[in-house]
Amino acid sequence: MRFPGIDGRQPLGLKTVLRPKSATPLDRLFIEAESVILGKRHQLRLAVTCLLAGGHLLIEDLPGVGKTTLAHLLARLFGLQFQRVQFTSDLLPADITGASIFERESGTFSFHPGPVFTQLLLADEVNRATPKTQSALLEAMEERQVTVDGRTRPLPVPFFVVATQNPASQLGTFDLPESQLDRFLMRIHLGYPGPEAEHELLRGRDRRSMLADMEPVLDTRSLQELQAQVDAVFVSDALVAYVQALLEHTRSSGEYGVGLSPRAGLALLRAGRAWALLDGRKAVLPEDIQAVLPPVATHRLHITGGSSEDRTAAMERLLTAVPVP
């Protein structure tokens, strides 16, 4: 059984982005994206799947492999308002959500919105901030709103968080708590580029200048229409039973410290719908669930060992143990 890994490699045996003769906006979007992020078609497709599914994205990898560039690229291609917050150990929750400041002229307090009031928020190196500051994103990511000084304020629509984090083995990092990790629909890894892609990257234009010259391929309305199409993708009862069997195996096999929650099952189905839509299909297949399982499940499971190979092997065992309907 073949399925995508999470270590930056593109496995064989799965469909890639379709490119019909008459290019659709999504086709053009991937063409533009692949001109900036070289040799990472599979990871780009996962990232777009995450946004179409209305989820938040966590990109974990070493510094310098394109995590921040990918976040900028998604905002640019989808025509989204964009804000970036550089997470550091001295960052405070109010630096993200905003705060009420006393205005001497009027004699009243006025709320000054923080950078979270945008359509795509890049939480750069999110695990370099303290857990208290990280928790400032919990309400925003789950409820799409922020409560400050007892007043709740809605966030723009759509609203996405794209967070990057460095490996926990690096100095100055704090592990994300399970409640924070569970708010991310997917966690992906970019990995080093292949030799040909790296050669082209080294000889080509600066990625920042390319992003500055790039025009949006889709707008907010088009994105919302695509998300509505994701909702309409059919999921059979047999496929729901398959997802249930996957969840149950993680809870009863004894291989995982904590099994997948019902929210993880909903995330699998939502991501599977978006993956199927990118293939131009109106129904989800078991292969769609298998394709999105690693980025949806691995950050929600406690797996012995922390390497990509350990996580990939655990997903292989899970898919082998649960028969396809």
Protein backbone atom coordinates (compact mmCIF):
# COMPACT_ATOMS: atom_id res chain seq x y z
CA MET A 1 0.00 0.00 0.00
CA ARG A 2 1.50 3.32 -1.08
CA PHE A 3 0.72 6.71 0.37
CA PRO A 4 2.44 10.09 0.72
CA GLY A 5 5.17 10.39 3.31
CA ILE A 6 5.76 13.36 5.54
CA ASP A 7 9.51 13.58 5.08
CA GLY A 8 9.60 15.69 1.91
CA ARG A 9 9.67 12.81 -0.56
CA GLN A 10 7.02 12.27 -3.23
CA PRO A 11 5.97 8.59 -3.19
CA LEU A 12 4.78 6.78 -6.26
CA GLY A 13 1.33 5.41 -6.86
CA LEU A 14 -0.81 8.45 -6.12
CA LYS A 15 -2.37 10.95 -8.44
CA THR A 16 -0.73 14.37 -8.71
CA VAL A 17 -2.31 17.63 -9.72
CA LEU A 18 -4.27 17.23 -12.92
CA ARG A 19 -3.37 19.57 -15.76
CA PRO A 20 -6.07 19.53 -18.44
CA LYS A 21 -5.49 21.31 -21.73
CA SER A 22 -7.79 24.17 -20.70
CA ALA A 23 -6.13 25.35 -17.49
CA THR A 24 -8.47 26.13 -14.60
CA PRO A 25 -7.63 28.72 -11.93
CA LEU A 26 -6.40 25.91 -9.69
CA ASP A 27 -4.14 24.63 -12.46
CA ARG A 28 -2.69 28.13 -12.89
CA LEU A 29 -2.30 28.43 -9.13
CA PHE A 30 -0.16 25.30 -8.97
CA ILE A 31 1.89 26.38 -11.96
CA GLU A 32 2.68 29.68 -10.24
CA ALA A 33 3.36 27.97 -6.92
CA GLU A 34 5.76 25.45 -8.44
CA SER A 35 7.74 28.26 -10.03
CA VAL A 36 8.57 29.56 -6.53
CA ILE A 37 8.69 26.42 -4.35
CA LEU A 38 10.71 24.12 -6.57
CA GLY A 39 10.35 20.34 -6.57
CA LYS A 40 7.68 20.23 -3.85
CA ARG A 41 4.49 19.57 -5.80
CA HIS A 42 3.13 17.13 -3.22
CA GLN A 43 3.69 19.49 -0.29
CA LEU A 44 2.12 22.35 -2.25
CA ARG A 45 -0.92 20.24 -2.92
CA LEU A 46 -1.24 19.38 0.76
CA ALA A 47 -1.02 23.06 1.68
CA VAL A 48 -3.71 24.04 -0.83
CA THR A 49 -5.84 21.11 0.36
CA CYS A 50 -5.58 22.45 3.90
CA LEU A 51 -6.78 25.93 2.89
CA LEU A 52 -9.62 24.60 0.74
CA ALA A 53 -10.70 22.51 3.72
CA GLY A 54 -10.76 25.66 5.85
CA GLY A 55 -8.03 24.43 8.18
CA HIS A 56 -4.88 25.78 9.72
CA LEU A 57 -1.46 24.62 8.57
CA LEU A 58 1.67 23.83 10.59
CA ILE A 59 4.95 23.63 8.66
CA GLU A 60 7.75 21.98 10.61
CA ASP A 61 11.31 21.83 9.32
CA LEU A 62 14.82 23.15 9.58
CA PRO A 63 15.44 26.88 8.98
CA GLY A 64 16.06 27.87 5.39
CA VAL A 65 14.01 25.30 3.46
CA GLY A 66 11.16 27.65 2.43
CA LYS A 67 8.58 27.51 5.23
CA THR A 68 8.05 31.27 5.42
CA THR A 69 8.16 31.60 1.65
CA LEU A 70 5.36 29.05 1.34
CA ALA A 71 3.15 31.03 3.72
CA HIS A 72 3.76 34.26 1.76
CA LEU A 73 3.07 32.37 -1.46
CA LEU A 74 -0.31 31.06 -0.29
CA ALA A 75 -1.43 34.54 0.75
CA ARG A 76 -0.30 36.02 -2.56
CA LEU A 77 -1.90 33.39 -4.81
CA PHE A 78 -5.24 33.44 -2.97
CA GLY A 79 -5.31 37.25 -2.71
CA LEU A 80 -5.57 37.17 1.09
CA GLN A 81 -4.78 39.92 3.57
CA PHE A 82 -1.52 38.93 5.23
CA GLN A 83 0.17 39.62 8.54
CA ARG A 84 3.31 38.09 10.01
CA VAL A 85 4.22 37.71 13.67
CA GLN A 86 7.75 36.65 14.59
CA PHE A 87 7.34 34.52 17.71
CA THR A 88 10.04 35.06 20.32
CA SER A 89 10.41 34.22 24.00
CA ASP A 90 9.43 37.77 25.06
CA LEU A 91 6.31 38.01 22.86
CA LEU A 92 3.12 38.71 24.83
CA PRO A 93 -0.46 37.59 24.04
CA ALA A 94 -1.51 41.23 23.52
CA ASP A 95 1.13 41.51 20.80
CA ILE A 96 -1.02 39.06 18.81
CA THR A 97 -4.60 39.83 19.78
CA GLY A 98 -4.33 43.57 20.38
CA ALA A 99 -5.07 45.66 23.45
CA SER A 100 -7.16 48.53 24.75
CA ILE A 101 -5.12 51.72 25.06
CA PHE A 102 -6.14 54.85 26.92
CA GLU A 103 -6.68 57.83 24.61
CA ARG A 104 -5.86 61.03 26.46
CA GLU A 105 -7.79 63.26 24.07
CA SER A 106 -11.09 61.43 24.48
CA GLY A 107 -10.52 60.13 27.99
CA THR A 108 -11.59 56.63 26.97
CA PHE A 109 -9.97 53.32 26.14
CA SER A 110 -9.72 52.42 22.46
CA PHE A 111 -9.08 48.91 21.18
CA HIS A 112 -6.12 48.58 18.83
CA PRO A 113 -6.43 45.32 16.86
CA GLY A 114 -3.41 43.05 16.77
CA PRO A 115 -2.03 41.29 13.71
CA VAL A 116 -4.40 38.35 14.23
CA PHE A 117 -7.11 40.49 12.58
CA THR A 118 -6.21 39.41 9.07
CA GLN A 119 -7.14 36.67 6.62
CA LEU A 120 -3.86 34.77 6.71
CA LEU A 121 -1.67 35.03 9.77
CA LEU A 122 1.87 33.72 9.59
CA ALA A 123 2.96 32.64 13.07
CA ASP A 124 6.65 32.36 12.28
CA GLU A 125 8.68 30.03 14.52
CA VAL A 126 5.64 29.59 16.75
CA ASN A 127 7.46 27.22 19.12
CA ARG A 128 9.98 29.90 20.13
CA ALA A 129 7.31 31.68 22.19
CA THR A 130 6.20 30.59 25.64
CA PRO A 131 3.10 28.38 26.03
CA LYS A 132 1.21 31.38 27.46
CA THR A 133 1.75 33.35 24.26
CA GLN A 134 1.03 30.33 22.07
CA SER A 135 -2.33 29.94 23.82
CA ALA A 136 -3.37 33.39 22.55
CA LEU A 137 -4.10 31.69 19.24
CA LEU A 138 -6.38 28.97 20.62
CA GLU A 139 -9.65 30.92 20.53
CA ALA A 140 -8.79 32.52 17.21
CA MET A 141 -8.05 29.20 15.54
CA GLU A 142 -11.06 27.37 16.94
CA GLU A 143 -13.78 30.03 17.10
CA ARG A 144 -12.51 32.55 14.52
CA GLN A 145 -12.88 35.26 17.15
CA VAL A 146 -10.84 37.05 19.82
CA THR A 147 -11.99 38.04 23.29
CA VAL A 148 -10.16 41.01 24.85
CA ASP A 149 -11.32 42.91 27.95
CA GLY A 150 -14.54 40.92 28.05
CA ARG A 151 -15.59 41.79 24.51
CA THR A 152 -15.61 39.27 21.68
CA ARG A 153 -14.58 40.46 18.23
CA PRO A 154 -14.97 38.35 15.08
CA LEU A 155 -12.00 37.77 12.81
CA PRO A 156 -12.06 38.36 9.04
CA VAL A 157 -13.52 35.70 6.75
CA PRO A 158 -11.77 33.58 5.67
CA PHE A 159 -9.22 33.23 8.45
CA PHE A 160 -6.20 30.93 8.35
CA VAL A 161 -3.18 30.45 10.55
CA VAL A 162 -0.05 29.19 8.84
CA ALA A 163 2.52 28.49 11.53
CA THR A 164 6.12 27.45 11.11
CA GLN A 165 8.18 25.72 13.74
CA ASN A 166 11.72 24.50 14.06
CA PRO A 167 12.48 20.96 15.26
CA ALA A 168 12.15 20.63 19.04
CA SER A 169 15.79 19.53 19.24
CA GLN A 170 16.93 23.07 18.43
CA LEU A 171 17.80 25.51 21.20
CA GLY A 172 15.22 28.04 22.39
CA THR A 173 12.09 26.09 21.45
CA PHE A 174 9.01 25.17 23.49
CA ASP A 175 6.89 22.16 22.63
CA LEU A 176 3.41 23.03 21.38
CA PRO A 177 0.78 21.62 23.78
CA GLU A 178 -1.57 18.96 22.47
CA SER A 179 -4.53 21.35 22.51
CA GLN A 180 -2.59 23.72 20.25
CA LEU A 181 -1.46 20.98 17.86
CA ASP A 182 -5.02 19.72 17.56
CA ARG A 183 -6.11 23.08 16.15
CA PHE A 184 -3.97 22.51 13.07
CA LEU A 185 -5.71 20.52 10.38
CA MET A 186 -2.36 19.44 8.89
CA ARG A 187 1.32 19.37 9.71
CA ILE A 188 3.67 19.07 6.75
CA HIS A 189 7.41 18.98 6.18
CA LEU A 190 9.18 20.47 3.17
CA GLY A 191 12.60 18.86 3.40
CA TYR A 192 15.64 19.69 1.31
CA PRO A 193 15.10 20.20 -2.44
CA GLY A 194 16.33 17.60 -4.90
CA PRO A 195 19.58 18.23 -6.79
CA GLU A 196 17.93 19.61 -9.93
CA ALA A 197 15.52 21.82 -7.99
CA GLU A 198 18.31 23.13 -5.78
CA HIS A 199 20.48 23.88 -8.80
CA GLU A 200 17.66 25.88 -10.37
CA LEU A 201 17.00 27.61 -7.05
CA LEU A 202 20.63 28.68 -6.67
CA ARG A 203 20.86 30.00 -10.23
CA GLY A 204 17.40 31.58 -10.37
CA ARG A 205 15.80 34.79 -9.12
CA ASP A 206 15.44 35.66 -5.48
CA ARG A 207 12.22 34.14 -4.17
CA ARG A 208 11.17 37.36 -2.42
CA SER A 209 11.36 39.37 -5.62
CA MET A 210 9.33 36.68 -7.39
CA LEU A 211 6.63 36.93 -4.73
CA ALA A 212 6.57 40.71 -5.03
CA ASP A 213 5.89 40.46 -8.77
CA MET A 214 3.25 37.74 -8.45
CA GLU A 215 -0.42 38.56 -9.01
CA PRO A 216 -3.26 36.72 -7.23
CA VAL A 217 -4.69 33.80 -9.16
CA LEU A 218 -7.85 33.54 -7.04
CA ASP A 219 -9.70 36.01 -4.84
CA THR A 220 -11.58 35.62 -1.57
CA ARG A 221 -14.89 34.95 -3.29
CA SER A 222 -13.36 32.24 -5.50
CA LEU A 223 -11.79 30.61 -2.44
CA GLN A 224 -15.10 30.56 -0.62
CA GLU A 225 -16.78 29.04 -3.67
CA LEU A 226 -14.16 26.29 -3.73
CA GLN A 227 -14.71 25.66 -0.03
CA ALA A 228 -18.44 25.31 -0.72
CA GLN A 229 -17.59 22.74 -3.40
CA VAL A 230 -15.54 20.84 -0.82
CA ASP A 231 -18.65 20.65 1.38
CA ALA A 232 -20.57 19.13 -1.53
CA VAL A 233 -18.11 16.27 -2.17
CA PHE A 234 -19.93 13.00 -1.36
CA VAL A 235 -18.77 10.68 1.44
CA SER A 236 -20.34 7.22 1.52
CA ASP A 237 -21.33 5.34 4.67
CA ALA A 238 -18.67 2.74 3.87
CA LEU A 239 -16.00 5.42 3.83
CA VAL A 240 -17.21 6.85 7.14
CA ALA A 241 -16.95 3.33 8.57
CA TYR A 242 -13.37 3.12 7.23
CA VAL A 243 -12.43 6.35 8.99
CA GLN A 244 -14.07 5.06 12.18
CA ALA A 245 -12.03 1.87 11.92
CA LEU A 246 -8.82 3.90 11.59
CA LEU A 247 -9.73 5.93 14.67
CA GLU A 248 -10.60 2.84 16.68
CA HIS A 249 -7.36 1.09 15.79
CA THR A 250 -5.29 3.99 17.14
CA ARG A 251 -7.22 3.77 20.41
CA SER A 252 -7.11 0.02 20.91
CA SER A 253 -3.87 -1.22 19.33
CA GLY A 254 -1.65 -0.14 22.22
CA GLU A 255 0.91 1.40 19.84
CA TYR A 256 -0.12 4.98 20.58
CA GLY A 257 -0.22 6.77 23.91
CA VAL A 258 -3.38 8.63 22.88
CA GLY A 259 -5.65 7.60 20.02
CA LEU A 260 -7.23 9.85 17.43
CA SER A 261 -10.20 11.91 18.61
CA PRO A 262 -13.54 12.44 16.84
CA ARG A 263 -12.21 15.84 15.79
CA ALA A 264 -9.35 14.05 14.03
CA GLY A 265 -11.92 11.93 12.20
CA LEU A 266 -13.76 15.04 11.05
CA ALA A 267 -10.44 16.51 9.92
CA LEU A 268 -9.67 13.38 7.90
CA LEU A 269 -13.02 13.56 6.12
CA ARG A 270 -12.72 17.30 5.48
CA ALA A 271 -9.21 16.99 4.10
CA GLY A 272 -10.23 13.94 2.06
CA ARG A 273 -13.03 15.94 0.44
CA ALA A 274 -10.64 18.74 -0.52
CA TRP A 275 -8.09 16.24 -1.88
CA ALA A 276 -10.79 14.62 -4.02
CA LEU A 277 -11.91 18.02 -5.30
CA LEU A 278 -8.38 18.75 -6.52
CA ASP A 279 -8.62 15.55 -8.54
CA GLY A 280 -11.89 16.77 -10.06
CA ARG A 281 -14.00 14.13 -8.34
CA LYS A 282 -17.33 14.51 -6.56
CA ALA A 283 -16.88 11.59 -4.16
CA VAL A 284 -14.17 10.63 -1.69
CA LEU A 285 -12.26 7.40 -2.23
CA PRO A 286 -10.28 5.42 0.39
CA GLU A 287 -7.12 6.55 -1.43
CA ASP A 288 -8.00 10.16 -0.60
CA ILE A 289 -8.14 9.35 3.12
CA GLN A 290 -4.84 7.47 2.87
CA ALA A 291 -3.26 10.45 1.10
CA VAL A 292 -4.15 12.96 3.82
CA LEU A 293 -3.78 10.63 6.82
CA PRO A 294 -0.08 11.33 7.59
CA PRO A 295 -0.31 15.16 7.68
CA VAL A 296 -3.63 15.04 9.53
CA ALA A 297 -2.81 12.32 12.06
CA THR A 298 0.87 12.30 12.99
CA HIS A 299 0.84 15.47 15.11
CA ARG A 300 -2.20 14.14 16.98
CA LEU A 301 -0.62 10.80 17.90
CA HIS A 302 2.11 10.01 20.41
CA ILE A 303 4.44 7.79 18.43
CA THR A 304 7.62 6.27 19.81
CA GLY A 305 10.55 8.05 18.18
CA GLY A 306 10.48 11.43 16.52
CA SER A 307 12.01 10.97 13.09
CA SER A 308 10.11 11.15 9.84
CA GLU A 309 10.87 7.49 9.20
CA ASP A 310 9.29 6.49 12.55
CA ARG A 311 6.12 8.46 11.81
CA THR A 312 5.90 7.15 8.27
CA ALA A 313 6.34 3.57 9.46
CA ALA A 314 3.58 4.06 12.05
CA MET A 315 1.20 5.28 9.35
CA GLU A 316 2.09 2.30 7.16
CA ARG A 317 1.28 -0.09 10.00
CA LEU A 318 -2.00 1.71 10.66
CA LEU A 319 -3.11 1.49 7.02
CA THR A 320 -2.02 -2.14 6.76
CA ALA A 321 -3.91 -3.09 9.92
CA VAL A 322 -7.24 -1.56 8.84
CA PRO A 323 -8.75 -3.15 5.72
CA VAL A 324 -10.09 -0.93 2.95
CA PRO A 325 -13.86 -1.33 2.43
